[in-house]
């Protein structure tokens, strides 16, 4: 079935059609959640929240973008909301071990090892939240700059600048880390 038919079926209450829609973008959505949240447990919670929100709000999907783009935005927002709600608490169970997720744009610079993934996650936490989100949506979810601009409610030029600065900051932070 094509996306349009799956959407129609899912809107009619077909949970299998909804699962098929989500299956195509599940891995990248997981990567978005993991990069924004910074640990396995929070990313799992954020992804579950995103799935529930997408199902609940399926009627609000206008179709001006692909389902996956819409879902990545929901996953990003769910992750950011979770991070904000837990900022006051310290996470003792940072469990990124074994989850080799990499920013595609930087993959040539890093080995895909647990240590490197941890370094990238720690470096991402040091850049501003909007910049972090833009970089993750661009590098991991594959969103276009225009889509990120709409998501972040900013202009395309401001988003380009934010993305450029985020990449530069991330490189600088990573070069200073042991």
Protein backbone atom coordinates (compact mmCIF):
# COMPACT_ATOMS: atom_id res chain seq x y z
CA UNK A 1 0.00 0.00 0.00
CA UNK A 2 1.21 3.52 -0.68
CA UNK A 3 1.42 6.21 1.99
CA UNK A 4 -1.86 7.85 1.04
CA UNK A 5 -3.78 4.57 1.30
CA UNK A 6 -2.09 3.72 4.59
CA UNK A 7 -2.98 7.15 5.97
CA UNK A 8 -6.59 6.75 4.95
CA UNK A 9 -6.76 3.33 6.56
CA UNK A 10 -5.02 4.53 9.73
CA UNK A 11 -7.40 7.48 10.01
CA UNK A 12 -10.25 4.96 9.86
CA UNK A 13 -8.78 3.25 12.92
CA UNK A 14 -6.61 0.59 11.27
CA UNK A 15 -3.74 0.16 13.72
CA UNK A 16 -1.83 -2.10 11.33
CA UNK A 17 -1.81 0.64 8.69
CA UNK A 18 -0.53 3.09 11.29
CA UNK A 19 2.17 0.60 12.31
CA UNK A 20 3.21 0.29 8.64
CA UNK A 21 3.50 4.06 8.34
CA UNK A 22 5.64 4.26 11.47
CA UNK A 23 7.80 1.27 10.57
CA UNK A 24 9.29 3.13 7.60
CA UNK A 25 10.57 5.97 9.79
CA UNK A 26 11.01 4.24 13.15
CA UNK A 27 14.81 3.95 13.07
CA UNK A 28 15.43 7.59 12.19
CA UNK A 29 12.82 8.74 14.71
CA UNK A 30 14.63 6.63 17.33
CA UNK A 31 17.91 8.30 16.35
CA UNK A 32 16.33 11.74 16.70
CA UNK A 33 15.02 10.86 20.17
CA UNK A 34 18.31 9.33 21.28
CA UNK A 35 20.40 12.28 20.11
CA UNK A 36 18.13 14.86 21.73
CA UNK A 37 17.54 12.96 24.97
CA UNK A 38 21.09 11.70 25.33
CA UNK A 39 20.26 8.34 26.86
CA UNK A 40 18.49 5.14 25.98
CA UNK A 41 15.71 5.23 28.58
CA UNK A 42 14.60 8.80 27.88
CA UNK A 43 14.75 8.20 24.13
CA UNK A 44 12.54 5.14 24.55
CA UNK A 45 10.03 7.22 26.54
CA UNK A 46 10.11 10.03 23.98
CA UNK A 47 9.58 7.64 21.07
CA UNK A 48 6.63 6.00 22.83
CA UNK A 49 5.18 9.42 23.52
CA UNK A 50 5.69 10.40 19.87
CA UNK A 51 3.91 7.27 18.66
CA UNK A 52 0.96 7.92 20.96
CA UNK A 53 0.78 11.59 19.92
CA UNK A 54 0.97 10.71 16.23
CA UNK A 55 -1.85 8.18 16.58
CA UNK A 56 -3.96 10.61 18.61
CA UNK A 57 -3.38 13.51 16.20
CA UNK A 58 -3.45 11.63 12.91
CA UNK A 59 -6.50 13.63 11.79
CA UNK A 60 -4.44 16.84 12.13
CA UNK A 61 -1.86 15.64 9.60
CA UNK A 62 -2.54 17.85 6.56
CA UNK A 63 -0.30 16.04 4.13
CA UNK A 64 1.76 19.11 3.20
CA UNK A 65 4.85 17.01 3.98
CA UNK A 66 5.50 13.29 4.12
CA UNK A 67 4.26 11.32 7.10
CA UNK A 68 7.86 10.65 8.15
CA UNK A 69 8.71 14.37 8.23
CA UNK A 70 5.63 15.04 10.34
CA UNK A 71 6.51 12.14 12.65
CA UNK A 72 10.15 13.31 13.07
CA UNK A 73 8.82 16.66 14.23
CA UNK A 74 6.59 14.97 16.77
CA UNK A 75 9.52 12.82 17.95
CA UNK A 76 11.73 15.89 18.22
CA UNK A 77 9.13 17.81 20.22
CA UNK A 78 8.46 14.84 22.50
CA UNK A 79 12.21 14.49 23.13
CA UNK A 80 12.67 18.19 23.86
CA UNK A 81 9.68 18.17 26.20
CA UNK A 82 11.11 15.20 28.08
CA UNK A 83 14.55 16.81 28.33
CA UNK A 84 13.03 20.05 29.63
CA UNK A 85 10.93 18.22 32.19
CA UNK A 86 13.95 16.29 33.47
CA UNK A 87 16.51 19.09 33.39
CA UNK A 88 16.27 19.58 37.12
CA UNK A 89 17.08 15.94 37.82
CA UNK A 90 20.41 14.28 37.15
CA UNK A 91 20.33 11.13 35.08
CA UNK A 92 22.34 8.39 36.73
CA UNK A 93 21.47 5.72 34.21
CA UNK A 94 22.88 7.12 31.01
CA UNK A 95 22.69 3.97 28.91
CA UNK A 96 23.99 4.69 25.45
CA UNK A 97 26.11 1.50 25.53
CA UNK A 98 25.51 -0.64 22.52
CA UNK A 99 23.45 1.88 20.58
CA UNK A 100 25.61 2.93 17.69
CA UNK A 101 23.86 5.98 16.27
CA UNK A 102 25.82 8.53 14.32
CA UNK A 103 25.26 11.90 12.76
CA UNK A 104 25.48 11.05 9.09
CA UNK A 105 27.12 14.35 8.19
CA UNK A 106 29.97 13.66 10.59
CA UNK A 107 30.25 9.91 10.12
CA UNK A 108 33.48 10.18 8.14
CA UNK A 109 35.12 11.95 11.10
CA UNK A 110 34.12 9.46 13.77
CA UNK A 111 34.41 5.76 14.32
CA UNK A 112 31.07 4.18 15.06
CA UNK A 113 32.11 3.01 18.51
CA UNK A 114 30.34 3.42 21.79
CA UNK A 115 33.01 5.86 23.01
CA UNK A 116 32.60 8.07 19.95
CA UNK A 117 28.81 7.97 20.18
CA UNK A 118 29.08 9.01 23.80
CA UNK A 119 31.41 11.87 22.82
CA UNK A 120 28.94 13.12 20.21
CA UNK A 121 26.04 12.88 22.67
CA UNK A 122 28.00 14.80 25.32
CA UNK A 123 29.05 17.44 22.78
CA UNK A 124 25.48 17.87 21.53
CA UNK A 125 24.36 18.63 25.08
CA UNK A 126 26.75 21.61 25.13
CA UNK A 127 25.24 23.47 22.19
CA UNK A 128 22.03 25.54 22.44
CA UNK A 129 18.80 23.56 22.34
CA UNK A 130 17.48 25.07 19.08
CA UNK A 131 20.83 24.46 17.39
CA UNK A 132 20.97 20.92 18.72
CA UNK A 133 17.47 20.23 17.44
CA UNK A 134 18.21 21.70 14.00
CA UNK A 135 21.40 19.66 13.67
CA UNK A 136 19.74 16.41 14.71
CA UNK A 137 16.75 16.95 12.44
CA UNK A 138 19.04 17.72 9.51
CA UNK A 139 21.73 15.09 10.10
CA UNK A 140 19.80 12.22 11.60
CA UNK A 141 16.21 12.66 10.38
CA UNK A 142 17.23 14.03 7.01
CA UNK A 143 14.85 16.98 7.09
CA UNK A 144 15.44 19.81 4.65
CA UNK A 145 16.38 23.25 5.92
CA UNK A 146 12.97 24.59 4.89
CA UNK A 147 11.23 21.88 6.92
CA UNK A 148 13.37 22.62 9.95
CA UNK A 149 12.63 26.34 9.59
CA UNK A 150 8.90 25.67 9.60
CA UNK A 151 9.26 23.33 12.57
CA UNK A 152 11.31 25.86 14.55
CA UNK A 153 9.14 28.78 13.41
CA UNK A 154 12.09 30.69 11.98
CA UNK A 155 13.20 31.89 8.58
CA UNK A 156 15.16 29.70 6.19
CA UNK A 157 18.16 32.02 6.41
CA UNK A 158 18.11 31.97 10.23
CA UNK A 159 17.89 28.18 10.14
CA UNK A 160 20.85 27.96 7.76
CA UNK A 161 22.89 30.15 10.09
CA UNK A 162 21.78 28.13 13.14
CA UNK A 163 22.73 24.89 11.41
CA UNK A 164 26.09 26.24 10.24
CA UNK A 165 26.93 27.48 13.73
CA UNK A 166 25.78 24.22 15.31
CA UNK A 167 28.07 22.16 13.06
CA UNK A 168 30.97 24.51 13.76
CA UNK A 169 30.33 24.47 17.51
CA UNK A 170 30.03 20.69 17.56
CA UNK A 171 33.32 20.30 15.72
CA UNK A 172 35.05 22.71 18.12
CA UNK A 173 33.65 20.99 21.19
CA UNK A 174 34.63 17.56 19.88
CA UNK A 175 38.15 18.74 19.03
CA UNK A 176 38.58 19.94 22.63
CA UNK A 177 37.28 16.74 24.18
CA UNK A 178 39.67 13.93 25.14
